[in-house]
PDB file of N, CA and C in Angstrom:
ATOM      1  N   MET A   1     125.241  82.132 105.649  1.00  0.00           N
ATOM      2  CA  MET A   1     124.553  82.451 106.883  1.00  0.00           C
ATOM      3  C   MET A   1     124.826  81.370 107.919  1.00  0.00           C
ATOM      4  N   SER A   2     124.913  81.788 109.133  1.00  0.00           N
ATOM      5  CA  SER A   2     125.135  80.822 110.200  1.00  0.00           C
ATOM      6  C   SER A   2     123.839  80.105 110.549  1.00  0.00           C
ATOM      7  N   LYS A   3     123.987  78.937 111.099  1.00  0.00           N
ATOM      8  CA  LYS A   3     122.825  78.146 111.507  1.00  0.00           C
ATOM      9  C   LYS A   3     122.905  77.969 113.012  1.00  0.00           C
ATOM     10  N   ALA A   4     122.355  78.928 113.733  1.00  0.00           N
ATOM     11  CA  ALA A   4     122.490  78.982 115.185  1.00  0.00           C
ATOM     12  C   ALA A   4     121.748  77.859 115.903  1.00  0.00           C
ATOM     13  N   HIS A   5     120.773  77.268 115.253  1.00  0.00           N
ATOM     14  CA  HIS A   5     119.967  76.247 115.924  1.00  0.00           C
ATOM     15  C   HIS A   5     120.340  74.836 115.488  1.00  0.00           C
ATOM     16  N   ARG A   6     121.575  74.690 114.963  1.00  0.00           N
ATOM     17  CA  ARG A   6     122.068  73.381 114.553  1.00  0.00           C
ATOM     18  C   ARG A   6     123.515  73.204 115.020  1.00  0.00           C
ATOM     19  N   GLY A   7     123.937  71.983 115.174  1.00  0.00           N
ATOM     20  CA  GLY A   7     125.335  71.637 115.364  1.00  0.00           C
ATOM     21  C   GLY A   7     126.060  72.311 116.499  1.00  0.00           C
ATOM     22  N   THR A   8     127.142  73.029 116.160  1.00  0.00           N
ATOM     23  CA  THR A   8     128.051  73.605 117.144  1.00  0.00           C
ATOM     24  C   THR A   8     127.348  74.551 118.106  1.00  0.00           C
ATOM     25  N   GLY A   9     126.425  75.342 117.616  1.00  0.00           N
ATOM     26  CA  GLY A   9     125.705  76.274 118.488  1.00  0.00           C
ATOM     27  C   GLY A   9     124.908  75.581 119.569  1.00  0.00           C
ATOM     28  N   LEU A  10     124.414  74.392 119.280  1.00  0.00           N
ATOM     29  CA  LEU A  10     123.622  73.641 120.263  1.00  0.00           C
ATOM     30  C   LEU A  10     124.481  72.878 121.262  1.00  0.00           C
ATOM     31  N   ARG A  11     125.702  72.567 120.882  1.00  0.00           N
ATOM     32  CA  ARG A  11     126.571  71.810 121.791  1.00  0.00           C
ATOM     33  C   ARG A  11     126.883  72.593 123.055  1.00  0.00           C
ATOM     34  N   LYS A  12     126.832  73.902 122.959  1.00  0.00           N
ATOM     35  CA  LYS A  12     127.139  74.759 124.106  1.00  0.00           C
ATOM     36  C   LYS A  12     125.971  74.862 125.081  1.00  0.00           C
ATOM     37  N   THR A  13     124.770  74.558 124.638  1.00  0.00           N
ATOM     38  CA  THR A  13     123.595  74.676 125.495  1.00  0.00           C
ATOM     39  C   THR A  13     123.421  73.416 126.343  1.00  0.00           C
ATOM     40  N   ALA A  14     122.630  73.539 127.385  1.00  0.00           N
ATOM     41  CA  ALA A  14     122.369  72.401 128.268  1.00  0.00           C
ATOM     42  C   ALA A  14     121.608  71.326 127.506  1.00  0.00           C
ATOM     43  N   ASN A  15     122.048  70.096 127.640  1.00  0.00           N
ATOM     44  CA  ASN A  15     121.396  68.939 127.022  1.00  0.00           C
ATOM     45  C   ASN A  15     121.313  69.072 125.495  1.00  0.00           C
ATOM     46  N   HIS A  16     122.275  69.778 124.924  1.00  0.00           N
ATOM     47  CA  HIS A  16     122.349  70.011 123.473  1.00  0.00           C
ATOM     48  C   HIS A  16     121.063  70.631 122.929  1.00  0.00           C
ATOM     49  N   GLY A  17     120.420  71.483 123.723  1.00  0.00           N
ATOM     50  CA  GLY A  17     119.229  72.199 123.286  1.00  0.00           C
ATOM     51  C   GLY A  17     117.946  71.401 123.350  1.00  0.00           C
ATOM     52  N   ARG A  18     118.004  70.203 123.869  1.00  0.00           N
ATOM     53  CA  ARG A  18     116.796  69.372 123.908  1.00  0.00           C
ATOM     54  C   ARG A  18     116.128  69.437 125.275  1.00  0.00           C
ATOM     55  N   GLY A  19     114.814  69.325 125.260  1.00  0.00           N
ATOM     56  CA  GLY A  19     114.057  69.361 126.503  1.00  0.00           C
ATOM     57  C   GLY A  19     112.584  69.220 126.227  1.00  0.00           C
ATOM     58  N   THR A  20     111.758  69.767 127.107  1.00  0.00           N
ATOM     59  CA  THR A  20     110.304  69.721 126.968  1.00  0.00           C
ATOM     60  C   THR A  20     109.789  71.114 126.641  1.00  0.00           C
ATOM     61  N   CYS A  21     109.000  71.209 125.602  1.00  0.00           N
ATOM     62  CA  CYS A  21     108.413  72.494 125.208  1.00  0.00           C
ATOM     63  C   CYS A  21     107.299  72.841 126.194  1.00  0.00           C
ATOM     64  N   PRO A  22     107.317  74.042 126.777  1.00  0.00           N
ATOM     65  CA  PRO A  22     106.281  74.402 127.750  1.00  0.00           C
ATOM     66  C   PRO A  22     104.901  74.638 127.142  1.00  0.00           C
ATOM     67  N   ILE A  23     104.814  74.810 125.833  1.00  0.00           N
ATOM     68  CA  ILE A  23     103.522  75.071 125.197  1.00  0.00           C
ATOM     69  C   ILE A  23     102.847  73.774 124.764  1.00  0.00           C
ATOM     70  N   CYS A  24     103.561  72.953 123.977  1.00  0.00           N
ATOM     71  CA  CYS A  24     102.944  71.725 123.463  1.00  0.00           C
ATOM     72  C   CYS A  24     103.278  70.493 124.291  1.00  0.00           C
ATOM     73  N   LYS A  25     104.152  70.642 125.280  1.00  0.00           N
ATOM     74  CA  LYS A  25     104.529  69.564 126.208  1.00  0.00           C
ATOM     75  C   LYS A  25     105.223  68.382 125.528  1.00  0.00           C
ATOM     76  N   THR A  26     105.785  68.582 124.340  1.00  0.00           N
ATOM     77  CA  THR A  26     106.527  67.532 123.660  1.00  0.00           C
ATOM     78  C   THR A  26     107.881  67.363 124.334  1.00  0.00           C
ATOM     79  N   THR A  27     108.271  66.119 124.582  1.00  0.00           N
ATOM     80  CA  THR A  27     109.545  65.858 125.255  1.00  0.00           C
ATOM     81  C   THR A  27     110.597  65.451 124.234  1.00  0.00           C
ATOM     82  N   GLY A  28     111.853  65.703 124.560  1.00  0.00           N
ATOM     83  CA  GLY A  28     112.968  65.305 123.709  1.00  0.00           C
ATOM     84  C   GLY A  28     113.065  66.088 122.424  1.00  0.00           C
ATOM     85  N   ILE A  29     112.516  67.278 122.394  1.00  0.00           N
ATOM     86  CA  ILE A  29     112.519  68.115 121.194  1.00  0.00           C
ATOM     87  C   ILE A  29     113.451  69.295 121.420  1.00  0.00           C
ATOM     88  N   LYS A  30     114.008  69.831 120.350  1.00  0.00           N
ATOM     89  CA  LYS A  30     114.896  70.979 120.496  1.00  0.00           C
ATOM     90  C   LYS A  30     114.064  72.194 120.902  1.00  0.00           C
ATOM     91  N   VAL A  31     114.414  72.779 122.024  1.00  0.00           N
ATOM     92  CA  VAL A  31     113.746  74.000 122.500  1.00  0.00           C
ATOM     93  C   VAL A  31     114.789  75.119 122.479  1.00  0.00           C
ATOM     94  N   VAL A  32     114.887  75.771 121.336  1.00  0.00           N
ATOM     95  CA  VAL A  32     115.960  76.737 121.128  1.00  0.00           C
ATOM     96  C   VAL A  32     115.465  78.135 120.765  1.00  0.00           C
ATOM     97  N   TYR A  33     114.164  78.356 120.760  1.00  0.00           N
ATOM     98  CA  TYR A  33     113.613  79.660 120.403  1.00  0.00           C
ATOM     99  C   TYR A  33     113.081  80.352 121.647  1.00  0.00           C
ATOM    100  N   GLU A  34     113.551  81.563 121.897  1.00  0.00           N
ATOM    101  CA  GLU A  34     113.157  82.307 123.088  1.00  0.00           C
ATOM    102  C   GLU A  34     111.801  82.971 122.845  1.00  0.00           C
ATOM    103  N   TYR A  35     110.914  82.895 123.830  1.00  0.00           N
ATOM    104  CA  TYR A  35     109.566  83.444 123.716  1.00  0.00           C
ATOM    105  C   TYR A  35     109.129  83.962 125.080  1.00  0.00           C
ATOM    106  N   ASP A  36     108.373  85.056 125.082  1.00  0.00           N
ATOM    107  CA  ASP A  36     107.882  85.649 126.320  1.00  0.00           C
ATOM    108  C   ASP A  36     106.503  85.058 126.615  1.00  0.00           C
ATOM    109  N   LEU A  37     106.428  84.195 127.618  1.00  0.00           N
ATOM    110  CA  LEU A  37     105.189  83.509 127.976  1.00  0.00           C
ATOM    111  C   LEU A  37     104.783  83.926 129.379  1.00  0.00           C
ATOM    112  N   GLU A  38     103.671  84.640 129.487  1.00  0.00           N
ATOM    113  CA  GLU A  38     103.137  85.104 130.776  1.00  0.00           C
ATOM    114  C   GLU A  38     104.181  85.884 131.576  1.00  0.00           C
ATOM    115  N   GLY A  39     104.926  86.732 130.892  1.00  0.00           N
ATOM    116  CA  GLY A  39     105.900  87.579 131.558  1.00  0.00           C
ATOM    117  C   GLY A  39     107.239  86.923 131.819  1.00  0.00           C
ATOM    118  N   LYS A  40     107.410  85.654 131.442  1.00  0.00           N
ATOM    119  CA  LYS A  40     108.668  84.952 131.636  1.00  0.00           C
ATOM    120  C   LYS A  40     109.255  84.598 130.278  1.00  0.00           C
ATOM    121  N   LYS A  41     110.576  84.667 130.163  1.00  0.00           N
ATOM    122  CA  LYS A  41     111.263  84.232 128.951  1.00  0.00           C
ATOM    123  C   LYS A  41     111.431  82.724 129.030  1.00  0.00           C
ATOM    124  N   VAL A  42     110.861  82.010 128.069  1.00  0.00           N
ATOM    125  CA  VAL A  42     110.978  80.554 128.026  1.00  0.00           C
ATOM    126  C   VAL A  42     111.494  80.146 126.651  1.00  0.00           C
ATOM    127  N   MET A  43     112.045  78.960 126.588  1.00  0.00           N
ATOM    128  CA  MET A  43     112.523  78.404 125.330  1.00  0.00           C
ATOM    129  C   MET A  43     111.443  77.472 124.782  1.00  0.00           C
ATOM    130  N   ILE A  44     111.060  77.671 123.510  1.00  0.00           N
ATOM    131  CA  ILE A  44     110.011  76.866 122.896  1.00  0.00           C
ATOM    132  C   ILE A  44     110.555  76.154 121.657  1.00  0.00           C
ATOM    133  N   CYS A  45     109.789  75.197 121.160  1.00  0.00           N
ATOM    134  CA  CYS A  45     110.219  74.425 119.995  1.00  0.00           C
ATOM    135  C   CYS A  45     109.886  75.170 118.697  1.00  0.00           C
ATOM    136  N   LYS A  46     110.431  74.671 117.620  1.00  0.00           N
ATOM    137  CA  LYS A  46     110.270  75.263 116.297  1.00  0.00           C
ATOM    138  C   LYS A  46     108.802  75.265 115.863  1.00  0.00           C
ATOM    139  N   PHE A  47     108.079  74.208 116.182  1.00  0.00           N
ATOM    140  CA  PHE A  47     106.702  74.079 115.742  1.00  0.00           C
ATOM    141  C   PHE A  47     105.788  75.079 116.454  1.00  0.00           C
ATOM    142  N   CYS A  48     106.013  75.267 117.746  1.00  0.00           N
ATOM    143  CA  CYS A  48     105.212  76.234 118.497  1.00  0.00           C
ATOM    144  C   CYS A  48     105.540  77.660 118.062  1.00  0.00           C
ATOM    145  N   LYS A  49     106.798  77.911 117.752  1.00  0.00           N
ATOM    146  CA  LYS A  49     107.198  79.234 117.280  1.00  0.00           C
ATOM    147  C   LYS A  49     106.480  79.561 115.972  1.00  0.00           C
ATOM    148  N   ALA A  50     106.445  78.603 115.053  1.00  0.00           N
ATOM    149  CA  ALA A  50     105.773  78.802 113.776  1.00  0.00           C
ATOM    150  C   ALA A  50     104.271  78.980 113.974  1.00  0.00           C
ATOM    151  N   HIS A  51     103.688  78.197 114.872  1.00  0.00           N
ATOM    152  CA  HIS A  51     102.245  78.290 115.132  1.00  0.00           C
ATOM    153  C   HIS A  51     101.886  79.669 115.689  1.00  0.00           C
ATOM    154  N   LEU A  52     102.670  80.158 116.645  1.00  0.00           N
ATOM    155  CA  LEU A  52     102.398  81.468 117.236  1.00  0.00           C
ATOM    156  C   LEU A  52     102.591  82.588 116.222  1.00  0.00           C
ATOM    157  N   LYS A  53     103.594  82.449 115.363  1.00  0.00           N
ATOM    158  CA  LYS A  53     103.847  83.465 114.339  1.00  0.00           C
ATOM    159  C   LYS A  53     102.702  83.502 113.327  1.00  0.00           C
ATOM    160  N   ASN A  54     102.247  82.334 112.870  1.00  0.00           N
ATOM    161  CA  ASN A  54     101.137  82.273 111.918  1.00  0.00           C
ATOM    162  C   ASN A  54      99.840  82.766 112.529  1.00  0.00           C
ATOM    163  N   LYS A  55      99.627  82.454 113.789  1.00  0.00           N
ATOM    164  CA  LYS A  55      98.424  82.903 114.486  1.00  0.00           C
ATOM    165  C   LYS A  55      98.400  84.429 114.564  1.00  0.00           C
ATOM    166  N   ALA A  56      99.542  85.036 114.887  1.00  0.00           N
ATOM    167  CA  ALA A  56      99.630  86.494 114.963  1.00  0.00           C
ATOM    168  C   ALA A  56      99.459  87.120 113.584  1.00  0.00           C
ATOM    169  N   ARG A  57      99.993  86.456 112.557  1.00  0.00           N
ATOM    170  CA  ARG A  57      99.884  86.972 111.192  1.00  0.00           C
ATOM    171  C   ARG A  57      98.433  86.959 110.721  1.00  0.00           C
ATOM    172  N   LEU A  58      97.688  85.937 111.074  1.00  0.00           N
ATOM    173  CA  LEU A  58      96.294  85.847 110.654  1.00  0.00           C
ATOM    174  C   LEU A  58      95.400  86.818 111.417  1.00  0.00           C
ATOM    175  N   GLU A  59      95.721  87.095 112.664  1.00  0.00           N
ATOM    176  CA  GLU A  59      94.917  88.020 113.466  1.00  0.00           C
ATOM    177  C   GLU A  59      95.175  89.474 113.087  1.00  0.00           C
ATOM    178  N   LYS A  60      96.367  89.799 112.664  1.00  0.00           N
ATOM    179  CA  LYS A  60      96.733  91.173 112.355  1.00  0.00           C
ATOM    180  C   LYS A  60      95.961  91.751 111.168  1.00  0.00           C
ATOM    181  N   PRO A  61      95.854  91.073 110.001  1.00  0.00           N
ATOM    182  CA  PRO A  61      95.103  91.645 108.887  1.00  0.00           C
ATOM    183  C   PRO A  61      93.614  91.794 109.175  1.00  0.00           C
ATOM    184  N   ALA A  62      93.071  90.987 110.060  1.00  0.00           N
ATOM    185  CA  ALA A  62      91.656  91.102 110.391  1.00  0.00           C
ATOM    186  C   ALA A  62      91.364  92.449 111.042  1.00  0.00           C
ATOM    187  N   ALA A  63      92.305  92.996 111.781  1.00  0.00           N
ATOM    188  CA  ALA A  63      92.128  94.287 112.426  1.00  0.00           C
ATOM    189  C   ALA A  63      92.392  95.431 111.453  1.00  0.00           C
ATOM    190  N   ALA A  64      93.247  95.248 110.469  1.00  0.00           N
ATOM    191  CA  ALA A  64      93.623  96.315 109.541  1.00  0.00           C
ATOM    192  C   ALA A  64      92.456  96.784 108.667  1.00  0.00           C
ATOM    193  N   PRO A  65      91.647  95.913 108.042  1.00  0.00           N
ATOM    194  CA  PRO A  65      90.541  96.407 107.216  1.00  0.00           C
ATOM    195  C   PRO A  65      89.509  97.201 108.013  1.00  0.00           C
ATOM    196  N   ALA A  66      89.350  96.909 109.272  1.00  0.00           N
ATOM    197  CA  ALA A  66      88.407  97.668 110.087  1.00  0.00           C
ATOM    198  C   ALA A  66      88.872  99.117 110.227  1.00  0.00           C
ATOM    199  N   ASP A  67      90.178  99.328 110.297  1.00  0.00           N
ATOM    200  CA  ASP A  67      90.716 100.678 110.368  1.00  0.00           C
ATOM    201  C   ASP A  67      90.603 101.390 109.023  1.00  0.00           C
ATOM    202  N   ALA A  68      90.719 100.672 107.933  1.00  0.00           N
ATOM    203  CA  ALA A  68      90.678 101.268 106.603  1.00  0.00           C
ATOM    204  C   ALA A  68      89.250 101.604 106.175  1.00  0.00           C
ATOM    205  N   ALA A  69      88.255 100.921 106.702  1.00  0.00           N
ATOM    206  CA  ALA A  69      86.865 101.127 106.298  1.00  0.00           C
ATOM    207  C   ALA A  69      86.371 102.551 106.570  1.00  0.00           C
ATOM    208  N   PRO A  70      86.613 103.160 107.730  1.00  0.00           N
ATOM    209  CA  PRO A  70      86.149 104.530 107.931  1.00  0.00           C
ATOM    210  C   PRO A  70      86.770 105.517 106.957  1.00  0.00           C
ATOM    211  N   ALA A  71      88.008 105.309 106.561  1.00  0.00           N
ATOM    212  CA  ALA A  71      88.659 106.201 105.606  1.00  0.00           C
ATOM    213  C   ALA A  71      87.985 106.082 104.244  1.00  0.00           C
ATOM    214  N   ALA A  72      87.582 104.879 103.850  1.00  0.00           N
ATOM    215  CA  ALA A  72      86.905 104.680 102.576  1.00  0.00           C
ATOM    216  C   ALA A  72      85.527 105.335 102.587  1.00  0.00           C
ATOM    217  N   GLU A  73      84.831 105.270 103.716  1.00  0.00           N
ATOM    218  CA  GLU A  73      83.518 105.904 103.819  1.00  0.00           C
ATOM    219  C   GLU A  73      83.617 107.415 103.718  1.00  0.00           C
ATOM    220  N   GLU A  74      84.645 107.992 104.314  1.00  0.00           N
ATOM    221  CA  GLU A  74      84.838 109.441 104.243  1.00  0.00           C
ATOM    222  C   GLU A  74      85.129 109.877 102.821  1.00  0.00           C
ATOM    223  N   ALA A  75      85.931 109.108 102.099  1.00  0.00           N
ATOM    224  CA  ALA A  75      86.261 109.436 100.715  1.00  0.00           C
ATOM    225  C   ALA A  75      85.013 109.347  99.844  1.00  0.00           C
ATOM    226  N   ALA A  76      84.165 108.364 100.076  1.00  0.00           N
ATOM    227  CA  ALA A  76      82.932 108.208  99.307  1.00  0.00           C
ATOM    228  C   ALA A  76      81.955 109.338  99.611  1.00  0.00           C
ATOM    229  N   ALA A  77      81.923 109.823 100.835  1.00  0.00           N
ATOM    230  CA  ALA A  77      81.017 110.906 101.209  1.00  0.00           C
ATOM    231  C   ALA A  77      81.439 112.228 100.584  1.00  0.00           C
ATOM    232  N   GLU A  78      82.732 112.431 100.389  1.00  0.00           N
ATOM    233  CA  GLU A  78      83.221 113.673  99.806  1.00  0.00           C
ATOM    234  C   GLU A  78      83.034 113.710  98.305  1.00  0.00           C
ATOM    235  N   ALA A  79      83.094 112.597  97.625  1.00  0.00           N
ATOM    236  CA  ALA A  79      83.012 112.540  96.182  1.00  0.00           C
ATOM    237  C   ALA A  79      81.672 113.082  95.645  1.00  0.00           C
ATOM    238  N   PRO A  80      80.487 112.691  96.167  1.00  0.00           N
ATOM    239  CA  PRO A  80      79.230 113.227  95.630  1.00  0.00           C
ATOM    240  C   PRO A  80      79.094 114.729  95.850  1.00  0.00           C
ATOM    241  N   ALA A  81      79.661 115.260  96.898  1.00  0.00           N
ATOM    242  CA  ALA A  81      79.567 116.690  97.150  1.00  0.00           C
ATOM    243  C   ALA A  81      80.297 117.477  96.078  1.00  0.00           C
ATOM    244  N   GLU A  82      81.400 116.959  95.589  1.00  0.00           N
ATOM    245  CA  GLU A  82      82.144 117.643  94.538  1.00  0.00           C
ATOM    246  C   GLU A  82      81.395 117.575  93.217  1.00  0.00           C
ATOM    247  N   ALA A  83      80.683 116.484  92.974  1.00  0.00           N
ATOM    248  CA  ALA A  83      79.948 116.307  91.725  1.00  0.00           C
ATOM    249  C   ALA A  83      78.775 117.276  91.634  1.00  0.00           C
ATOM    250  N   GLN A  84      78.150 117.622  92.764  1.00  0.00           N
ATOM    251  CA  GLN A  84      76.993 118.509  92.764  1.00  0.00           C
ATOM    252  C   GLN A  84      77.398 119.961  92.586  1.00  0.00           C
ATOM    253  N   ALA A  85      78.586 120.331  92.941  1.00  0.00           N
ATOM    254  CA  ALA A  85      79.033 121.728  92.881  1.00  0.00           C
ATOM    255  C   ALA A  85      79.406 122.167  91.522  1.00  0.00           C
TER     256      ALA A  85
END
């Protein structure tokens, strides 16, 4: 597999891919990951990319069980009706 964020791939970018991350404001860090921030495409660092990905991953399952709960209640309501018949 190629390593797009190391070596030769970075030599082609301005300042060898280094700059200031617009999210964490760290200077002199590789900003090589594209992210849509407030409607603009910006380059962010590896740490902010991981933080945003983990944050989205943790928020997503919290919404999923709420959707599954009504389906479980409907199944439980139908089961006693079949037992009485």
